[in-house]
Amino acid sequence: MTSTRRNERGLVCPRCGCRHFKTTHTEPLRDGRIRRRKTCRHCGRKIVTFEATPAPARPDR
């Protein structure tokens, strides 16, 4: 049985296809998101990601 990478999630370097990144800077934004600057460990390409935390679940009344 072979494994395909089509269904895998996660960040992929557009230059080399590597999935290993080092976070070099993390900054919280005013709207609640987080901006992270990451560097590919293989080729050194720099990428900026914006991450949002999921909204907390509201209790049923």
PDB file of N, CA and C in Angstrom:
ATOM      1  N   MET A   1       0.847  -1.171   0.000  1.00  0.00           N
ATOM      2  CA  MET A   1       0.000   0.000   0.000  1.00  0.00           C
ATOM      3  C   MET A   1       0.895   1.237   0.000  1.00  0.00           C
ATOM      4  N   THR A   2       0.603   2.182  -0.882  1.00  0.00           N
ATOM      5  CA  THR A   2       1.416   3.387  -0.971  1.00  0.00           C
ATOM      6  C   THR A   2       0.712   4.541  -0.293  1.00  0.00           C
ATOM      7  N   SER A   3       1.493   5.458   0.194  1.00  0.00           N
ATOM      8  CA  SER A   3       0.951   6.633   0.871  1.00  0.00           C
ATOM      9  C   SER A   3       0.991   7.818  -0.083  1.00  0.00           C
ATOM     10  N   THR A   4      -0.109   8.555  -0.166  1.00  0.00           N
ATOM     11  CA  THR A   4      -0.125   9.762  -0.990  1.00  0.00           C
ATOM     12  C   THR A   4      -0.141  10.964  -0.080  1.00  0.00           C
ATOM     13  N   ARG A   5       0.473  12.039  -0.516  1.00  0.00           N
ATOM     14  CA  ARG A   5       0.544  13.250   0.303  1.00  0.00           C
ATOM     15  C   ARG A   5      -0.579  14.222  -0.021  1.00  0.00           C
ATOM     16  N   ARG A   6      -1.487  13.881  -0.868  1.00  0.00           N
ATOM     17  CA  ARG A   6      -2.568  14.792  -1.240  1.00  0.00           C
ATOM     18  C   ARG A   6      -3.467  15.139  -0.068  1.00  0.00           C
ATOM     19  N   ASN A   7      -3.704  14.194   0.814  1.00  0.00           N
ATOM     20  CA  ASN A   7      -4.639  14.408   1.913  1.00  0.00           C
ATOM     21  C   ASN A   7      -3.968  14.925   3.180  1.00  0.00           C
ATOM     22  N   GLU A   8      -2.650  15.067   3.168  1.00  0.00           N
ATOM     23  CA  GLU A   8      -1.960  15.544   4.362  1.00  0.00           C
ATOM     24  C   GLU A   8      -2.149  17.042   4.525  1.00  0.00           C
ATOM     25  N   ARG A   9      -2.253  17.477   5.764  1.00  0.00           N
ATOM     26  CA  ARG A   9      -2.396  18.897   6.069  1.00  0.00           C
ATOM     27  C   ARG A   9      -1.051  19.449   6.495  1.00  0.00           C
ATOM     28  N   GLY A  10      -0.961  20.760   6.478  1.00  0.00           N
ATOM     29  CA  GLY A  10       0.241  21.401   6.982  1.00  0.00           C
ATOM     30  C   GLY A  10       0.877  22.295   5.942  1.00  0.00           C
ATOM     31  N   LEU A  11       1.849  23.024   6.394  1.00  0.00           N
ATOM     32  CA  LEU A  11       2.548  23.988   5.568  1.00  0.00           C
ATOM     33  C   LEU A  11       3.612  23.283   4.736  1.00  0.00           C
ATOM     34  N   VAL A  12       3.676  23.627   3.447  1.00  0.00           N
ATOM     35  CA  VAL A  12       4.667  23.065   2.538  1.00  0.00           C
ATOM     36  C   VAL A  12       5.426  24.215   1.898  1.00  0.00           C
ATOM     37  N   CYS A  13       6.733  24.120   1.879  1.00  0.00           N
ATOM     38  CA  CYS A  13       7.556  25.160   1.267  1.00  0.00           C
ATOM     39  C   CYS A  13       7.298  25.190  -0.239  1.00  0.00           C
ATOM     40  N   PRO A  14       6.949  26.360  -0.793  1.00  0.00           N
ATOM     41  CA  PRO A  14       6.682  26.432  -2.232  1.00  0.00           C
ATOM     42  C   PRO A  14       7.945  26.274  -3.077  1.00  0.00           C
ATOM     43  N   ARG A  15       9.108  26.462  -2.490  1.00  0.00           N
ATOM     44  CA  ARG A  15      10.350  26.351  -3.248  1.00  0.00           C
ATOM     45  C   ARG A  15      10.847  24.907  -3.330  1.00  0.00           C
ATOM     46  N   CYS A  16      10.911  24.219  -2.180  1.00  0.00           N
ATOM     47  CA  CYS A  16      11.535  22.890  -2.177  1.00  0.00           C
ATOM     48  C   CYS A  16      10.588  21.751  -1.784  1.00  0.00           C
ATOM     49  N   GLY A  17       9.372  22.069  -1.292  1.00  0.00           N
ATOM     50  CA  GLY A  17       8.417  21.039  -0.920  1.00  0.00           C
ATOM     51  C   GLY A  17       8.618  20.466   0.477  1.00  0.00           C
ATOM     52  N   CYS A  18       9.557  21.005   1.215  1.00  0.00           N
ATOM     53  CA  CYS A  18       9.851  20.533   2.572  1.00  0.00           C
ATOM     54  C   CYS A  18       8.707  20.923   3.519  1.00  0.00           C
ATOM     55  N   ARG A  19       8.509  20.152   4.570  1.00  0.00           N
ATOM     56  CA  ARG A  19       7.471  20.435   5.560  1.00  0.00           C
ATOM     57  C   ARG A  19       8.049  20.829   6.916  1.00  0.00           C
ATOM     58  N   HIS A  20       9.342  21.100   6.973  1.00  0.00           N
ATOM     59  CA  HIS A  20       9.994  21.419   8.244  1.00  0.00           C
ATOM     60  C   HIS A  20      10.351  22.899   8.279  1.00  0.00           C
ATOM     61  N   PHE A  21       9.778  23.613   9.249  1.00  0.00           N
ATOM     62  CA  PHE A  21       9.982  25.050   9.375  1.00  0.00           C
ATOM     63  C   PHE A  21      10.440  25.400  10.779  1.00  0.00           C
ATOM     64  N   LYS A  22      11.165  26.495  10.877  1.00  0.00           N
ATOM     65  CA  LYS A  22      11.570  27.052  12.161  1.00  0.00           C
ATOM     66  C   LYS A  22      10.862  28.389  12.318  1.00  0.00           C
ATOM     67  N   THR A  23      10.179  28.596  13.441  1.00  0.00           N
ATOM     68  CA  THR A  23       9.510  29.865  13.705  1.00  0.00           C
ATOM     69  C   THR A  23      10.545  30.854  14.223  1.00  0.00           C
ATOM     70  N   THR A  24      10.675  31.990  13.509  1.00  0.00           N
ATOM     71  CA  THR A  24      11.682  32.979  13.882  1.00  0.00           C
ATOM     72  C   THR A  24      11.089  34.164  14.631  1.00  0.00           C
ATOM     73  N   HIS A  25       9.783  34.410  14.470  1.00  0.00           N
ATOM     74  CA  HIS A  25       9.157  35.551  15.142  1.00  0.00           C
ATOM     75  C   HIS A  25       7.665  35.279  15.279  1.00  0.00           C
ATOM     76  N   THR A  26       7.111  35.595  16.435  1.00  0.00           N
ATOM     77  CA  THR A  26       5.677  35.456  16.691  1.00  0.00           C
ATOM     78  C   THR A  26       5.161  36.787  17.210  1.00  0.00           C
ATOM     79  N   GLU A  27       4.048  37.249  16.614  1.00  0.00           N
ATOM     80  CA  GLU A  27       3.499  38.551  17.000  1.00  0.00           C
ATOM     81  C   GLU A  27       1.975  38.482  17.075  1.00  0.00           C
ATOM     82  N   PRO A  28       1.384  38.760  18.244  1.00  0.00           N
ATOM     83  CA  PRO A  28      -0.078  38.809  18.333  1.00  0.00           C
ATOM     84  C   PRO A  28      -0.599  40.083  17.669  1.00  0.00           C
ATOM     85  N   LEU A  29      -1.691  39.965  16.947  1.00  0.00           N
ATOM     86  CA  LEU A  29      -2.301  41.109  16.276  1.00  0.00           C
ATOM     87  C   LEU A  29      -3.507  41.595  17.065  1.00  0.00           C
ATOM     88  N   ARG A  30      -3.943  42.801  16.775  1.00  0.00           N
ATOM     89  CA  ARG A  30      -5.075  43.399  17.505  1.00  0.00           C
ATOM     90  C   ARG A  30      -6.378  42.635  17.322  1.00  0.00           C
ATOM     91  N   ASP A  31      -6.551  42.007  16.163  1.00  0.00           N
ATOM     92  CA  ASP A  31      -7.810  41.301  15.901  1.00  0.00           C
ATOM     93  C   ASP A  31      -7.836  39.884  16.477  1.00  0.00           C
ATOM     94  N   GLY A  32      -6.817  39.516  17.254  1.00  0.00           N
ATOM     95  CA  GLY A  32      -6.806  38.210  17.897  1.00  0.00           C
ATOM     96  C   GLY A  32      -6.015  37.152  17.149  1.00  0.00           C
ATOM     97  N   ARG A  33      -5.640  37.430  15.912  1.00  0.00           N
ATOM     98  CA  ARG A  33      -4.843  36.468  15.157  1.00  0.00           C
ATOM     99  C   ARG A  33      -3.386  36.544  15.602  1.00  0.00           C
ATOM    100  N   ILE A  34      -2.599  35.575  15.159  1.00  0.00           N
ATOM    101  CA  ILE A  34      -1.170  35.543  15.456  1.00  0.00           C
ATOM    102  C   ILE A  34      -0.412  35.503  14.135  1.00  0.00           C
ATOM    103  N   ARG A  35       0.561  36.414  13.995  1.00  0.00           N
ATOM    104  CA  ARG A  35       1.408  36.406  12.799  1.00  0.00           C
ATOM    105  C   ARG A  35       2.713  35.713  13.177  1.00  0.00           C
ATOM    106  N   ARG A  36       3.077  34.696  12.383  1.00  0.00           N
ATOM    107  CA  ARG A  36       4.325  33.979  12.631  1.00  0.00           C
ATOM    108  C   ARG A  36       5.199  34.055  11.385  1.00  0.00           C
ATOM    109  N   ARG A  37       6.454  34.385  11.595  1.00  0.00           N
ATOM    110  CA  ARG A  37       7.430  34.366  10.509  1.00  0.00           C
ATOM    111  C   ARG A  37       8.204  33.067  10.648  1.00  0.00           C
ATOM    112  N   LYS A  38       8.239  32.299   9.566  1.00  0.00           N
ATOM    113  CA  LYS A  38       8.870  30.983   9.593  1.00  0.00           C
ATOM    114  C   LYS A  38       9.904  30.884   8.486  1.00  0.00           C
ATOM    115  N   THR A  39      10.914  30.045   8.716  1.00  0.00           N
ATOM    116  CA  THR A  39      11.968  29.816   7.743  1.00  0.00           C
ATOM    117  C   THR A  39      12.053  28.322   7.465  1.00  0.00           C
ATOM    118  N   CYS A  40      12.103  27.963   6.173  1.00  0.00           N
ATOM    119  CA  CYS A  40      12.252  26.557   5.787  1.00  0.00           C
ATOM    120  C   CYS A  40      13.624  26.076   6.238  1.00  0.00           C
ATOM    121  N   ARG A  41      13.660  24.936   6.901  1.00  0.00           N
ATOM    122  CA  ARG A  41      14.930  24.410   7.408  1.00  0.00           C
ATOM    123  C   ARG A  41      15.797  23.848   6.289  1.00  0.00           C
ATOM    124  N   HIS A  42      15.208  23.572   5.131  1.00  0.00           N
ATOM    125  CA  HIS A  42      15.979  22.988   4.033  1.00  0.00           C
ATOM    126  C   HIS A  42      16.587  24.054   3.127  1.00  0.00           C
ATOM    127  N   CYS A  43      15.755  24.973   2.613  1.00  0.00           N
ATOM    128  CA  CYS A  43      16.241  25.939   1.618  1.00  0.00           C
ATOM    129  C   CYS A  43      16.351  27.367   2.146  1.00  0.00           C
ATOM    130  N   GLY A  44      15.774  27.661   3.329  1.00  0.00           N
ATOM    131  CA  GLY A  44      15.886  28.990   3.910  1.00  0.00           C
ATOM    132  C   GLY A  44      14.830  29.985   3.474  1.00  0.00           C
ATOM    133  N   ARG A  45      13.860  29.543   2.683  1.00  0.00           N
ATOM    134  CA  ARG A  45      12.788  30.446   2.243  1.00  0.00           C
ATOM    135  C   ARG A  45      11.989  30.932   3.440  1.00  0.00           C
ATOM    136  N   LYS A  46      11.657  32.224   3.455  1.00  0.00           N
ATOM    137  CA  LYS A  46      10.897  32.814   4.558  1.00  0.00           C
ATOM    138  C   LYS A  46       9.429  32.912   4.179  1.00  0.00           C
ATOM    139  N   ILE A  47       8.557  32.552   5.126  1.00  0.00           N
ATOM    140  CA  ILE A  47       7.115  32.533   4.910  1.00  0.00           C
ATOM    141  C   ILE A  47       6.450  33.200   6.110  1.00  0.00           C
ATOM    142  N   VAL A  48       5.372  33.939   5.862  1.00  0.00           N
ATOM    143  CA  VAL A  48       4.588  34.548   6.937  1.00  0.00           C
ATOM    144  C   VAL A  48       3.239  33.846   6.976  1.00  0.00           C
ATOM    145  N   THR A  49       2.830  33.408   8.162  1.00  0.00           N
ATOM    146  CA  THR A  49       1.518  32.791   8.325  1.00  0.00           C
ATOM    147  C   THR A  49       0.695  33.613   9.303  1.00  0.00           C
ATOM    148  N   PHE A  50      -0.614  33.565   9.127  1.00  0.00           N
ATOM    149  CA  PHE A  50      -1.556  34.199  10.040  1.00  0.00           C
ATOM    150  C   PHE A  50      -2.419  33.091  10.610  1.00  0.00           C
ATOM    151  N   GLU A  51      -2.423  32.967  11.918  1.00  0.00           N
ATOM    152  CA  GLU A  51      -3.151  31.890  12.574  1.00  0.00           C
ATOM    153  C   GLU A  51      -4.223  32.473  13.481  1.00  0.00           C
ATOM    154  N   ALA A  52      -5.363  31.839  13.488  1.00  0.00           N
ATOM    155  CA  ALA A  52      -6.471  32.266  14.345  1.00  0.00           C
ATOM    156  C   ALA A  52      -6.829  31.121  15.280  1.00  0.00           C
ATOM    157  N   THR A  53      -7.114  31.459  16.518  1.00  0.00           N
ATOM    158  CA  THR A  53      -7.556  30.443  17.458  1.00  0.00           C
ATOM    159  C   THR A  53      -9.043  30.205  17.246  1.00  0.00           C
ATOM    160  N   PRO A  54      -9.489  28.979  17.389  1.00  0.00           N
ATOM    161  CA  PRO A  54     -10.920  28.720  17.222  1.00  0.00           C
ATOM    162  C   PRO A  54     -11.725  29.407  18.314  1.00  0.00           C
ATOM    163  N   ALA A  55     -12.930  29.814  17.968  1.00  0.00           N
ATOM    164  CA  ALA A  55     -13.809  30.470  18.940  1.00  0.00           C
ATOM    165  C   ALA A  55     -14.183  29.465  20.029  1.00  0.00           C
ATOM    166  N   PRO A  56     -14.253  29.902  21.274  1.00  0.00           N
ATOM    167  CA  PRO A  56     -14.622  28.978  22.352  1.00  0.00           C
ATOM    168  C   PRO A  56     -16.059  28.490  22.173  1.00  0.00           C
ATOM    169  N   ALA A  57     -16.281  27.253  22.550  1.00  0.00           N
ATOM    170  CA  ALA A  57     -17.620  26.674  22.434  1.00  0.00           C
ATOM    171  C   ALA A  57     -18.553  27.345  23.431  1.00  0.00           C
ATOM    172  N   ARG A  58     -19.737  27.688  22.960  1.00  0.00           N
ATOM    173  CA  ARG A  58     -20.728  28.310  23.841  1.00  0.00           C
ATOM    174  C   ARG A  58     -21.534  27.217  24.524  1.00  0.00           C
ATOM    175  N   PRO A  59     -21.720  27.327  25.826  1.00  0.00           N
ATOM    176  CA  PRO A  59     -22.502  26.302  26.531  1.00  0.00           C
ATOM    177  C   PRO A  59     -23.971  26.369  26.115  1.00  0.00           C
ATOM    178  N   ASP A  60     -24.592  25.198  26.036  1.00  0.00           N
ATOM    179  CA  ASP A  60     -26.023  25.140  25.713  1.00  0.00           C
ATOM    180  C   ASP A  60     -26.831  25.610  26.915  1.00  0.00           C
ATOM    181  N   ARG A  61     -27.906  26.301  26.625  1.00  0.00           N
ATOM    182  CA  ARG A  61     -28.749  26.807  27.720  1.00  0.00           C
ATOM    183  C   ARG A  61     -30.011  26.027  27.830  1.00  0.00           C
TER     184      ARG A  61
END
